[in-house]
Amino acid sequence: MKNKAKELDVDFIGGQGSLTKEEEMQISEFIKAQKIRKAKQRNRKTRKSTDQKAVA
């Protein structure tokens, strides 16, 4: 049987106030770093597969 996810009964997520400029910048930098890290991992995987094909 499948497990059904329980829905949370909330009106808002996070704090009650808006984000400060510093918090917005921290989140933005984190997202950029994640995108760069994922791109590097994708490049590493494709490079390994093409290197293995060249050797075989």
Protein backbone atom coordinates (compact mmCIF):
# COMPACT_ATOMS: atom_id res chain seq x y z
CA MET A 1 0.00 0.00 0.00
CA LYS A 2 1.10 3.55 -0.63
CA ASN A 3 1.72 5.89 2.24
CA LYS A 4 -0.09 9.17 1.87
CA ALA A 5 1.74 12.29 2.90
CA LYS A 6 0.03 14.23 5.65
CA GLU A 7 -0.76 17.82 4.79
CA LEU A 8 0.33 20.40 7.28
CA ASP A 9 -2.29 22.83 8.47
CA VAL A 10 -0.30 26.07 8.47
CA ASP A 11 -1.07 29.61 7.44
CA PHE A 12 2.51 30.60 6.70
CA ILE A 13 5.97 29.12 6.40
CA GLY A 14 8.95 30.76 8.07
CA GLY A 15 9.07 33.79 10.30
CA GLN A 16 6.36 36.36 10.59
CA GLY A 17 8.44 39.26 9.28
CA SER A 18 9.90 39.85 5.87
CA LEU A 19 13.51 38.99 5.07
CA THR A 20 16.24 41.53 5.59
CA LYS A 21 18.58 42.47 2.74
CA GLU A 22 21.36 40.47 4.41
CA GLU A 23 19.17 37.35 4.61
CA GLU A 24 18.13 37.76 0.97
CA MET A 25 21.79 37.99 -0.08
CA GLN A 26 22.71 34.89 1.95
CA ILE A 27 19.93 32.88 0.34
CA SER A 28 20.88 34.15 -3.12
CA GLU A 29 24.55 33.22 -2.61
CA PHE A 30 23.58 29.78 -1.34
CA ILE A 31 21.40 29.10 -4.39
CA LYS A 32 24.15 30.25 -6.76
CA ALA A 33 26.68 28.00 -5.00
CA GLN A 34 24.30 25.02 -5.29
CA LYS A 35 23.85 25.63 -9.02
CA ILE A 36 27.61 25.81 -9.56
CA ARG A 37 28.19 22.65 -7.50
CA LYS A 38 25.54 20.72 -9.46
CA ALA A 39 26.99 21.91 -12.78
CA LYS A 40 30.46 20.74 -11.74
CA GLN A 41 29.08 17.33 -10.74
CA ARG A 42 27.28 16.98 -14.09
CA ASN A 43 30.47 17.92 -15.96
CA ARG A 44 32.49 15.42 -13.96
CA LYS A 45 30.02 12.61 -14.74
CA THR A 46 29.90 13.38 -18.47
CA ARG A 47 33.69 13.67 -18.62
CA LYS A 48 34.12 10.25 -16.98
CA SER A 49 31.70 8.57 -19.37
CA THR A 50 33.34 10.10 -22.46
CA ASP A 51 36.82 9.20 -21.14
CA GLN A 52 35.77 5.58 -20.62
CA LYS A 53 34.38 5.39 -24.15
CA ALA A 54 37.61 6.76 -25.58
CA VAL A 55 39.69 4.14 -23.71
CA ALA A 56 37.49 1.20 -24.78
